[in-house]
Amino acid sequence: MRLYSQMTLAELQEEMERLRLEAEAKKKLGDNSQLGIIQQKYFMAKSYYVGTDEFRIGGKYSVPEYDQPFTIDYFNGVFAWGRFPDSDEQTGFPIGMLEPWF
């Protein structure tokens, strides 16, 4: 299998769809361990698909399973590094996990 960074946008779309279907199957089986791994792969593929252009340093974004906004400090590849309001510790997330904070 090729690296996500080497795939075309069409190949990344196919990979994301394959992973989405695989995640649905694992969820039906109750295989939460494998589901988590597949979800992380999906977010990485999505990160390479969307790229960092639509994200801004200082911008606030929502992250699944977190109820506070995440503010981006900098990018390292397809990872956004930043902080939550109640923490001084920097945390990194693949940009494919981030959605605009409303």
PDB file of N, CA and C in Angstrom:
ATOM      1  N   MET A   1       0.825  -1.181   0.000  1.00  0.00           N
ATOM      2  CA  MET A   1       0.000   0.000   0.000  1.00  0.00           C
ATOM      3  C   MET A   1       0.873   1.251   0.000  1.00  0.00           C
ATOM      4  N   ARG A   2       0.466   2.230  -0.787  1.00  0.00           N
ATOM      5  CA  ARG A   2       1.219   3.483  -0.875  1.00  0.00           C
ATOM      6  C   ARG A   2       0.927   4.380   0.321  1.00  0.00           C
ATOM      7  N   LEU A   3       1.840   5.276   0.578  1.00  0.00           N
ATOM      8  CA  LEU A   3       1.645   6.264   1.634  1.00  0.00           C
ATOM      9  C   LEU A   3       0.561   7.245   1.213  1.00  0.00           C
ATOM     10  N   TYR A   4      -0.187   7.752   2.169  1.00  0.00           N
ATOM     11  CA  TYR A   4      -1.219   8.733   1.853  1.00  0.00           C
ATOM     12  C   TYR A   4      -0.617   9.950   1.155  1.00  0.00           C
ATOM     13  N   SER A   5       0.572  10.327   1.548  1.00  0.00           N
ATOM     14  CA  SER A   5       1.228  11.495   0.947  1.00  0.00           C
ATOM     15  C   SER A   5       1.565  11.278  -0.527  1.00  0.00           C
ATOM     16  N   GLN A   6       1.564  10.031  -0.978  1.00  0.00           N
ATOM     17  CA  GLN A   6       1.883   9.713  -2.370  1.00  0.00           C
ATOM     18  C   GLN A   6       0.632   9.488  -3.217  1.00  0.00           C
ATOM     19  N   MET A   7      -0.540   9.484  -2.595  1.00  0.00           N
ATOM     20  CA  MET A   7      -1.776   9.195  -3.316  1.00  0.00           C
ATOM     21  C   MET A   7      -2.344  10.447  -3.977  1.00  0.00           C
ATOM     22  N   THR A   8      -3.057  10.236  -5.066  1.00  0.00           N
ATOM     23  CA  THR A   8      -3.787  11.327  -5.708  1.00  0.00           C
ATOM     24  C   THR A   8      -5.057  11.600  -4.905  1.00  0.00           C
ATOM     25  N   LEU A   9      -5.722  12.719  -5.217  1.00  0.00           N
ATOM     26  CA  LEU A   9      -6.970  13.025  -4.527  1.00  0.00           C
ATOM     27  C   LEU A   9      -8.019  11.944  -4.777  1.00  0.00           C
ATOM     28  N   ALA A  10      -8.063  11.415  -5.984  1.00  0.00           N
ATOM     29  CA  ALA A  10      -9.025  10.345  -6.294  1.00  0.00           C
ATOM     30  C   ALA A  10      -8.718   9.092  -5.480  1.00  0.00           C
ATOM     31  N   GLU A  11      -7.457   8.747  -5.353  1.00  0.00           N
ATOM     32  CA  GLU A  11      -7.072   7.576  -4.558  1.00  0.00           C
ATOM     33  C   GLU A  11      -7.416   7.797  -3.080  1.00  0.00           C
ATOM     34  N   LEU A  12      -7.207   9.011  -2.586  1.00  0.00           N
ATOM     35  CA  LEU A  12      -7.550   9.310  -1.199  1.00  0.00           C
ATOM     36  C   LEU A  12      -9.053   9.206  -0.980  1.00  0.00           C
ATOM     37  N   GLN A  13      -9.856   9.661  -1.937  1.00  0.00           N
ATOM     38  CA  GLN A  13     -11.312   9.531  -1.825  1.00  0.00           C
ATOM     39  C   GLN A  13     -11.708   8.059  -1.757  1.00  0.00           C
ATOM     40  N   GLU A  14     -11.120   7.233  -2.605  1.00  0.00           N
ATOM     41  CA  GLU A  14     -11.406   5.795  -2.592  1.00  0.00           C
ATOM     42  C   GLU A  14     -11.019   5.169  -1.263  1.00  0.00           C
ATOM     43  N   GLU A  15      -9.864   5.549  -0.747  1.00  0.00           N
ATOM     44  CA  GLU A  15      -9.396   5.022   0.538  1.00  0.00           C
ATOM     45  C   GLU A  15     -10.319   5.447   1.674  1.00  0.00           C
ATOM     46  N   MET A  16     -10.764   6.702   1.661  1.00  0.00           N
ATOM     47  CA  MET A  16     -11.670   7.172   2.702  1.00  0.00           C
ATOM     48  C   MET A  16     -12.990   6.408   2.645  1.00  0.00           C
ATOM     49  N   GLU A  17     -13.501   6.148   1.470  1.00  0.00           N
ATOM     50  CA  GLU A  17     -14.754   5.394   1.342  1.00  0.00           C
ATOM     51  C   GLU A  17     -14.564   3.953   1.820  1.00  0.00           C
ATOM     52  N   ARG A  18     -13.434   3.346   1.456  1.00  0.00           N
ATOM     53  CA  ARG A  18     -13.142   1.977   1.895  1.00  0.00           C
ATOM     54  C   ARG A  18     -13.083   1.916   3.422  1.00  0.00           C
ATOM     55  N   LEU A  19     -12.414   2.885   4.014  1.00  0.00           N
ATOM     56  CA  LEU A  19     -12.283   2.917   5.472  1.00  0.00           C
ATOM     57  C   LEU A  19     -13.624   3.190   6.140  1.00  0.00           C
ATOM     58  N   ARG A  20     -14.449   4.039   5.540  1.00  0.00           N
ATOM     59  CA  ARG A  20     -15.781   4.323   6.096  1.00  0.00           C
ATOM     60  C   ARG A  20     -16.619   3.051   6.142  1.00  0.00           C
ATOM     61  N   LEU A  21     -16.590   2.283   5.059  1.00  0.00           N
ATOM     62  CA  LEU A  21     -17.352   1.028   5.012  1.00  0.00           C
ATOM     63  C   LEU A  21     -16.801   0.006   6.001  1.00  0.00           C
ATOM     64  N   GLU A  22     -15.481  -0.061   6.108  1.00  0.00           N
ATOM     65  CA  GLU A  22     -14.855  -0.979   7.057  1.00  0.00           C
ATOM     66  C   GLU A  22     -15.207  -0.588   8.494  1.00  0.00           C
ATOM     67  N   ALA A  23     -15.252   0.708   8.767  1.00  0.00           N
ATOM     68  CA  ALA A  23     -15.611   1.179  10.108  1.00  0.00           C
ATOM     69  C   ALA A  23     -17.052   0.803  10.443  1.00  0.00           C
ATOM     70  N   GLU A  24     -17.951   0.945   9.480  1.00  0.00           N
ATOM     71  CA  GLU A  24     -19.348   0.556   9.705  1.00  0.00           C
ATOM     72  C   GLU A  24     -19.454  -0.923  10.069  1.00  0.00           C
ATOM     73  N   ALA A  25     -18.699  -1.758   9.352  1.00  0.00           N
ATOM     74  CA  ALA A  25     -18.727  -3.197   9.618  1.00  0.00           C
ATOM     75  C   ALA A  25     -18.194  -3.506  11.018  1.00  0.00           C
ATOM     76  N   LYS A  26     -17.099  -2.865  11.411  1.00  0.00           N
ATOM     77  CA  LYS A  26     -16.519  -3.098  12.746  1.00  0.00           C
ATOM     78  C   LYS A  26     -17.463  -2.619  13.839  1.00  0.00           C
ATOM     79  N   LYS A  27     -18.166  -1.514  13.575  1.00  0.00           N
ATOM     80  CA  LYS A  27     -19.113  -0.981  14.555  1.00  0.00           C
ATOM     81  C   LYS A  27     -20.259  -1.964  14.764  1.00  0.00           C
ATOM     82  N   LYS A  28     -20.765  -2.546  13.671  1.00  0.00           N
ATOM     83  CA  LYS A  28     -21.847  -3.530  13.772  1.00  0.00           C
ATOM     84  C   LYS A  28     -21.421  -4.759  14.552  1.00  0.00           C
ATOM     85  N   LEU A  29     -20.137  -5.128  14.400  1.00  0.00           N
ATOM     86  CA  LEU A  29     -19.607  -6.294  15.113  1.00  0.00           C
ATOM     87  C   LEU A  29     -19.250  -5.974  16.567  1.00  0.00           C
ATOM     88  N   GLY A  30     -19.235  -4.703  16.901  1.00  0.00           N
ATOM     89  CA  GLY A  30     -18.866  -4.306  18.263  1.00  0.00           C
ATOM     90  C   GLY A  30     -17.376  -4.373  18.514  1.00  0.00           C
ATOM     91  N   ASP A  31     -16.582  -4.354  17.447  1.00  0.00           N
ATOM     92  CA  ASP A  31     -15.127  -4.434  17.560  1.00  0.00           C
ATOM     93  C   ASP A  31     -14.557  -3.020  17.715  1.00  0.00           C
ATOM     94  N   ASN A  32     -14.678  -2.474  18.928  1.00  0.00           N
ATOM     95  CA  ASN A  32     -14.286  -1.088  19.172  1.00  0.00           C
ATOM     96  C   ASN A  32     -12.793  -0.841  19.024  1.00  0.00           C
ATOM     97  N   SER A  33     -11.973  -1.840  19.318  1.00  0.00           N
ATOM     98  CA  SER A  33     -10.531  -1.689  19.189  1.00  0.00           C
ATOM     99  C   SER A  33     -10.154  -1.440  17.725  1.00  0.00           C
ATOM    100  N   GLN A  34     -10.634  -2.298  16.857  1.00  0.00           N
ATOM    101  CA  GLN A  34     -10.346  -2.140  15.422  1.00  0.00           C
ATOM    102  C   GLN A  34     -11.034  -0.900  14.861  1.00  0.00           C
ATOM    103  N   LEU A  35     -12.215  -0.576  15.365  1.00  0.00           N
ATOM    104  CA  LEU A  35     -12.935   0.606  14.913  1.00  0.00           C
ATOM    105  C   LEU A  35     -12.096   1.854  15.164  1.00  0.00           C
ATOM    106  N   GLY A  36     -11.497   1.960  16.326  1.00  0.00           N
ATOM    107  CA  GLY A  36     -10.656   3.118  16.646  1.00  0.00           C
ATOM    108  C   GLY A  36      -9.475   3.253  15.705  1.00  0.00           C
ATOM    109  N   ILE A  37      -8.852   2.134  15.365  1.00  0.00           N
ATOM    110  CA  ILE A  37      -7.707   2.151  14.451  1.00  0.00           C
ATOM    111  C   ILE A  37      -8.155   2.613  13.063  1.00  0.00           C
ATOM    112  N   ILE A  38      -9.265   2.087  12.596  1.00  0.00           N
ATOM    113  CA  ILE A  38      -9.778   2.444  11.267  1.00  0.00           C
ATOM    114  C   ILE A  38     -10.171   3.917  11.231  1.00  0.00           C
ATOM    115  N   GLN A  39     -10.774   4.417  12.309  1.00  0.00           N
ATOM    116  CA  GLN A  39     -11.142   5.829  12.353  1.00  0.00           C
ATOM    117  C   GLN A  39      -9.903   6.725  12.270  1.00  0.00           C
ATOM    118  N   GLN A  40      -8.835   6.340  12.956  1.00  0.00           N
ATOM    119  CA  GLN A  40      -7.604   7.126  12.889  1.00  0.00           C
ATOM    120  C   GLN A  40      -7.025   7.117  11.472  1.00  0.00           C
ATOM    121  N   LYS A  41      -7.078   5.971  10.803  1.00  0.00           N
ATOM    122  CA  LYS A  41      -6.614   5.903   9.413  1.00  0.00           C
ATOM    123  C   LYS A  41      -7.469   6.794   8.517  1.00  0.00           C
ATOM    124  N   TYR A  42      -8.780   6.781   8.764  1.00  0.00           N
ATOM    125  CA  TYR A  42      -9.688   7.630   7.988  1.00  0.00           C
ATOM    126  C   TYR A  42      -9.309   9.105   8.158  1.00  0.00           C
ATOM    127  N   PHE A  43      -9.106   9.538   9.413  1.00  0.00           N
ATOM    128  CA  PHE A  43      -8.753  10.933   9.660  1.00  0.00           C
ATOM    129  C   PHE A  43      -7.423  11.312   9.021  1.00  0.00           C
ATOM    130  N   MET A  44      -6.477  10.390   8.971  1.00  0.00           N
ATOM    131  CA  MET A  44      -5.201  10.682   8.318  1.00  0.00           C
ATOM    132  C   MET A  44      -5.390  10.817   6.811  1.00  0.00           C
ATOM    133  N   ALA A  45      -6.149   9.905   6.205  1.00  0.00           N
ATOM    134  CA  ALA A  45      -6.412  10.008   4.766  1.00  0.00           C
ATOM    135  C   ALA A  45      -7.136  11.315   4.461  1.00  0.00           C
ATOM    136  N   LYS A  46      -8.120  11.666   5.287  1.00  0.00           N
ATOM    137  CA  LYS A  46      -8.867  12.910   5.097  1.00  0.00           C
ATOM    138  C   LYS A  46      -7.939  14.116   5.242  1.00  0.00           C
ATOM    139  N   SER A  47      -6.979  14.033   6.143  1.00  0.00           N
ATOM    140  CA  SER A  47      -6.040  15.133   6.351  1.00  0.00           C
ATOM    141  C   SER A  47      -5.240  15.421   5.083  1.00  0.00           C
ATOM    142  N   TYR A  48      -4.775  14.378   4.430  1.00  0.00           N
ATOM    143  CA  TYR A  48      -4.040  14.568   3.184  1.00  0.00           C
ATOM    144  C   TYR A  48      -4.964  15.035   2.068  1.00  0.00           C
ATOM    145  N   TYR A  49      -6.229  14.644   2.120  1.00  0.00           N
ATOM    146  CA  TYR A  49      -7.189  15.047   1.110  1.00  0.00           C
ATOM    147  C   TYR A  49      -7.518  16.543   1.213  1.00  0.00           C
ATOM    148  N   VAL A  50      -7.776  17.041   2.424  1.00  0.00           N
ATOM    149  CA  VAL A  50      -8.182  18.441   2.579  1.00  0.00           C
ATOM    150  C   VAL A  50      -7.004  19.405   2.609  1.00  0.00           C
ATOM    151  N   GLY A  51      -5.837  18.977   3.103  1.00  0.00           N
ATOM    152  CA  GLY A  51      -4.687  19.868   3.193  1.00  0.00           C
ATOM    153  C   GLY A  51      -4.885  20.945   4.245  1.00  0.00           C
ATOM    154  N   THR A  52      -3.871  21.742   4.458  1.00  0.00           N
ATOM    155  CA  THR A  52      -3.902  22.732   5.538  1.00  0.00           C
ATOM    156  C   THR A  52      -4.392  24.109   5.091  1.00  0.00           C
ATOM    157  N   ASP A  53      -4.641  24.316   3.805  1.00  0.00           N
ATOM    158  CA  ASP A  53      -4.974  25.655   3.291  1.00  0.00           C
ATOM    159  C   ASP A  53      -6.207  26.278   3.932  1.00  0.00           C
ATOM    160  N   GLU A  54      -7.209  25.467   4.267  1.00  0.00           N
ATOM    161  CA  GLU A  54      -8.436  26.050   4.817  1.00  0.00           C
ATOM    162  C   GLU A  54      -8.391  26.237   6.336  1.00  0.00           C
ATOM    163  N   PHE A  55      -7.281  25.928   6.949  1.00  0.00           N
ATOM    164  CA  PHE A  55      -7.114  26.073   8.395  1.00  0.00           C
ATOM    165  C   PHE A  55      -6.203  27.257   8.673  1.00  0.00           C
ATOM    166  N   ARG A  56      -6.425  27.925   9.796  1.00  0.00           N
ATOM    167  CA  ARG A  56      -5.665  29.125  10.135  1.00  0.00           C
ATOM    168  C   ARG A  56      -5.063  29.031  11.529  1.00  0.00           C
ATOM    169  N   ILE A  57      -3.819  29.483  11.637  1.00  0.00           N
ATOM    170  CA  ILE A  57      -3.198  29.611  12.954  1.00  0.00           C
ATOM    171  C   ILE A  57      -4.007  30.642  13.733  1.00  0.00           C
ATOM    172  N   GLY A  58      -4.356  30.313  14.964  1.00  0.00           N
ATOM    173  CA  GLY A  58      -5.203  31.168  15.786  1.00  0.00           C
ATOM    174  C   GLY A  58      -6.681  30.871  15.615  1.00  0.00           C
ATOM    175  N   GLY A  59      -7.025  30.049  14.611  1.00  0.00           N
ATOM    176  CA  GLY A  59      -8.421  29.688  14.400  1.00  0.00           C
ATOM    177  C   GLY A  59      -8.900  28.697  15.440  1.00  0.00           C
ATOM    178  N   LYS A  60     -10.200  28.709  15.703  1.00  0.00           N
ATOM    179  CA  LYS A  60     -10.798  27.795  16.687  1.00  0.00           C
ATOM    180  C   LYS A  60     -11.564  26.703  15.948  1.00  0.00           C
ATOM    181  N   TYR A  61     -11.353  25.464  16.387  1.00  0.00           N
ATOM    182  CA  TYR A  61     -11.944  24.298  15.730  1.00  0.00           C
ATOM    183  C   TYR A  61     -12.485  23.325  16.769  1.00  0.00           C
ATOM    184  N   SER A  62     -13.472  22.555  16.366  1.00  0.00           N
ATOM    185  CA  SER A  62     -13.985  21.500  17.243  1.00  0.00           C
ATOM    186  C   SER A  62     -13.269  20.203  16.909  1.00  0.00           C
ATOM    187  N   VAL A  63     -13.098  19.385  17.928  1.00  0.00           N
ATOM    188  CA  VAL A  63     -12.458  18.079  17.811  1.00  0.00           C
ATOM    189  C   VAL A  63     -13.444  17.058  18.367  1.00  0.00           C
ATOM    190  N   PRO A  64     -13.691  15.947  17.658  1.00  0.00           N
ATOM    191  CA  PRO A  64     -14.626  14.942  18.184  1.00  0.00           C
ATOM    192  C   PRO A  64     -14.273  14.532  19.613  1.00  0.00           C
ATOM    193  N   GLU A  65     -15.312  14.407  20.419  1.00  0.00           N
ATOM    194  CA  GLU A  65     -15.221  13.967  21.813  1.00  0.00           C
ATOM    195  C   GLU A  65     -14.632  15.014  22.759  1.00  0.00           C
ATOM    196  N   TYR A  66     -14.470  16.250  22.293  1.00  0.00           N
ATOM    197  CA  TYR A  66     -14.031  17.358  23.146  1.00  0.00           C
ATOM    198  C   TYR A  66     -15.108  18.426  23.078  1.00  0.00           C
ATOM    199  N   ASP A  67     -15.423  19.045  24.213  1.00  0.00           N
ATOM    200  CA  ASP A  67     -16.494  20.039  24.233  1.00  0.00           C
ATOM    201  C   ASP A  67     -15.978  21.474  24.300  1.00  0.00           C
ATOM    202  N   GLN A  68     -14.686  21.669  24.104  1.00  0.00           N
ATOM    203  CA  GLN A  68     -14.097  22.998  24.101  1.00  0.00           C
ATOM    204  C   GLN A  68     -13.433  23.260  22.758  1.00  0.00           C
ATOM    205  N   PRO A  69     -13.297  24.547  22.395  1.00  0.00           N
ATOM    206  CA  PRO A  69     -12.631  24.853  21.127  1.00  0.00           C
ATOM    207  C   PRO A  69     -11.128  24.581  21.209  1.00  0.00           C
ATOM    208  N   PHE A  70     -10.582  24.120  20.096  1.00  0.00           N
ATOM    209  CA  PHE A  70      -9.153  23.871  19.951  1.00  0.00           C
ATOM    210  C   PHE A  70      -8.588  25.002  19.105  1.00  0.00           C
ATOM    211  N   THR A  71      -7.563  25.701  19.621  1.00  0.00           N
ATOM    212  CA  THR A  71      -6.946  26.815  18.900  1.00  0.00           C
ATOM    213  C   THR A  71      -5.607  26.359  18.336  1.00  0.00           C
ATOM    214  N   ILE A  72      -5.434  26.534  17.030  1.00  0.00           N
ATOM    215  CA  ILE A  72      -4.211  26.094  16.355  1.00  0.00           C
ATOM    216  C   ILE A  72      -3.075  27.075  16.616  1.00  0.00           C
ATOM    217  N   ASP A  73      -1.914  26.540  17.046  1.00  0.00           N
ATOM    218  CA  ASP A  73      -0.692  27.328  17.219  1.00  0.00           C
ATOM    219  C   ASP A  73       0.224  27.203  16.001  1.00  0.00           C
ATOM    220  N   TYR A  74       0.338  25.983  15.446  1.00  0.00           N
ATOM    221  CA  TYR A  74       1.188  25.774  14.276  1.00  0.00           C
ATOM    222  C   TYR A  74       0.851  24.435  13.621  1.00  0.00           C
ATOM    223  N   PHE A  75       1.382  24.237  12.427  1.00  0.00           N
ATOM    224  CA  PHE A  75       1.207  22.985  11.681  1.00  0.00           C
ATOM    225  C   PHE A  75       2.538  22.257  11.584  1.00  0.00           C
ATOM    226  N   ASN A  76       2.457  20.946  11.609  1.00  0.00           N
ATOM    227  CA  ASN A  76       3.598  20.098  11.321  1.00  0.00           C
ATOM    228  C   ASN A  76       3.080  19.032  10.375  1.00  0.00           C
ATOM    229  N   GLY A  77       3.312  19.223   9.093  1.00  0.00           N
ATOM    230  CA  GLY A  77       2.723  18.326   8.095  1.00  0.00           C
ATOM    231  C   GLY A  77       1.216  18.502   8.095  1.00  0.00           C
ATOM    232  N   VAL A  78       0.486  17.397   8.242  1.00  0.00           N
ATOM    233  CA  VAL A  78      -0.983  17.456   8.277  1.00  0.00           C
ATOM    234  C   VAL A  78      -1.511  17.449   9.710  1.00  0.00           C
ATOM    235  N   PHE A  79      -0.650  17.704  10.663  1.00  0.00           N
ATOM    236  CA  PHE A  79      -1.064  17.805  12.061  1.00  0.00           C
ATOM    237  C   PHE A  79      -1.146  19.265  12.467  1.00  0.00           C
ATOM    238  N   ALA A  80      -2.215  19.597  13.176  1.00  0.00           N
ATOM    239  CA  ALA A  80      -2.365  20.920  13.774  1.00  0.00           C
ATOM    240  C   ALA A  80      -2.026  20.775  15.251  1.00  0.00           C
ATOM    241  N   TRP A  81      -1.136  21.616  15.714  1.00  0.00           N
ATOM    242  CA  TRP A  81      -0.759  21.622  17.128  1.00  0.00           C
ATOM    243  C   TRP A  81      -1.305  22.879  17.767  1.00  0.00           C
ATOM    244  N   GLY A  82      -1.904  22.707  18.936  1.00  0.00           N
ATOM    245  CA  GLY A  82      -2.487  23.852  19.621  1.00  0.00           C
ATOM    246  C   GLY A  82      -2.937  23.488  21.013  1.00  0.00           C
ATOM    247  N   ARG A  83      -3.912  24.257  21.508  1.00  0.00           N
ATOM    248  CA  ARG A  83      -4.329  24.125  22.902  1.00  0.00           C
ATOM    249  C   ARG A  83      -5.841  24.242  23.054  1.00  0.00           C
ATOM    250  N   PHE A  84      -6.307  23.665  24.136  1.00  0.00           N
ATOM    251  CA  PHE A  84      -7.673  23.877  24.589  1.00  0.00           C
ATOM    252  C   PHE A  84      -7.634  24.993  25.625  1.00  0.00           C
ATOM    253  N   PRO A  85      -8.739  25.729  25.824  1.00  0.00           N
ATOM    254  CA  PRO A  85      -8.727  26.883  26.732  1.00  0.00           C
ATOM    255  C   PRO A  85      -8.284  26.569  28.158  1.00  0.00           C
ATOM    256  N   ASP A  86      -8.565  25.388  28.658  1.00  0.00           N
ATOM    257  CA  ASP A  86      -8.248  25.073  30.055  1.00  0.00           C
ATOM    258  C   ASP A  86      -6.889  24.403  30.226  1.00  0.00           C
ATOM    259  N   SER A  87      -6.036  24.458  29.192  1.00  0.00           N
ATOM    260  CA  SER A  87      -4.760  23.752  29.261  1.00  0.00           C
ATOM    261  C   SER A  87      -3.640  24.570  28.626  1.00  0.00           C
ATOM    262  N   ASP A  88      -2.458  24.497  29.228  1.00  0.00           N
ATOM    263  CA  ASP A  88      -1.270  25.116  28.643  1.00  0.00           C
ATOM    264  C   ASP A  88      -0.488  24.111  27.812  1.00  0.00           C
ATOM    265  N   GLU A  89      -0.904  22.845  27.876  1.00  0.00           N
ATOM    266  CA  GLU A  89      -0.205  21.779  27.167  1.00  0.00           C
ATOM    267  C   GLU A  89      -0.624  21.753  25.697  1.00  0.00           C
ATOM    268  N   GLN A  90       0.366  21.705  24.803  1.00  0.00           N
ATOM    269  CA  GLN A  90       0.052  21.594  23.377  1.00  0.00           C
ATOM    270  C   GLN A  90      -0.325  20.159  23.045  1.00  0.00           C
ATOM    271  N   THR A  91      -1.298  20.045  22.151  1.00  0.00           N
ATOM    272  CA  THR A  91      -1.797  18.762  21.693  1.00  0.00           C
ATOM    273  C   THR A  91      -1.856  18.803  20.175  1.00  0.00           C
ATOM    274  N   GLY A  92      -1.599  17.665  19.537  1.00  0.00           N
ATOM    275  CA  GLY A  92      -1.665  17.604  18.081  1.00  0.00           C
ATOM    276  C   GLY A  92      -2.791  16.712  17.610  1.00  0.00           C
ATOM    277  N   PHE A  93      -3.453  17.137  16.538  1.00  0.00           N
ATOM    278  CA  PHE A  93      -4.512  16.360  15.905  1.00  0.00           C
ATOM    279  C   PHE A  93      -4.317  16.406  14.399  1.00  0.00           C
ATOM    280  N   PRO A  94      -4.636  15.295  13.707  1.00  0.00           N
ATOM    281  CA  PRO A  94      -4.647  15.367  12.244  1.00  0.00           C
ATOM    282  C   PRO A  94      -5.736  16.354  11.831  1.00  0.00           C
ATOM    283  N   ILE A  95      -5.449  17.186  10.853  1.00  0.00           N
ATOM    284  CA  ILE A  95      -6.410  18.224  10.469  1.00  0.00           C
ATOM    285  C   ILE A  95      -7.723  17.638   9.974  1.00  0.00           C
ATOM    286  N   GLY A  96      -7.713  16.375   9.553  1.00  0.00           N
ATOM    287  CA  GLY A  96      -8.947  15.724   9.115  1.00  0.00           C
ATOM    288  C   GLY A  96      -9.952  15.555  10.238  1.00  0.00           C
ATOM    289  N   MET A  97      -9.532  15.707  11.476  1.00  0.00           N
ATOM    290  CA  MET A  97     -10.438  15.596  12.624  1.00  0.00           C
ATOM    291  C   MET A  97     -11.108  16.931  12.939  1.00  0.00           C
ATOM    292  N   LEU A  98     -10.577  18.031  12.455  1.00  0.00           N
ATOM    293  CA  LEU A  98     -11.019  19.351  12.863  1.00  0.00           C
ATOM    294  C   LEU A  98     -12.178  19.854  12.014  1.00  0.00           C
ATOM    295  N   GLU A  99     -13.117  20.515  12.696  1.00  0.00           N
ATOM    296  CA  GLU A  99     -14.248  21.189  12.049  1.00  0.00           C
ATOM    297  C   GLU A  99     -14.304  22.600  12.603  1.00  0.00           C
ATOM    298  N   PRO A 100     -14.793  23.560  11.823  1.00  0.00           N
ATOM    299  CA  PRO A 100     -14.896  24.930  12.354  1.00  0.00           C
ATOM    300  C   PRO A 100     -15.724  24.979  13.638  1.00  0.00           C
ATOM    301  N   TRP A 101     -15.287  25.764  14.584  1.00  0.00           N
ATOM    302  CA  TRP A 101     -15.982  25.940  15.857  1.00  0.00           C
ATOM    303  C   TRP A 101     -17.065  27.003  15.682  1.00  0.00           C
ATOM    304  N   PHE A 102     -18.273  26.695  16.078  1.00  0.00           N
ATOM    305  CA  PHE A 102     -19.363  27.673  15.972  1.00  0.00           C
ATOM    306  C   PHE A 102     -19.887  28.009  17.329  1.00  0.00           C
TER     307      PHE A 102
END
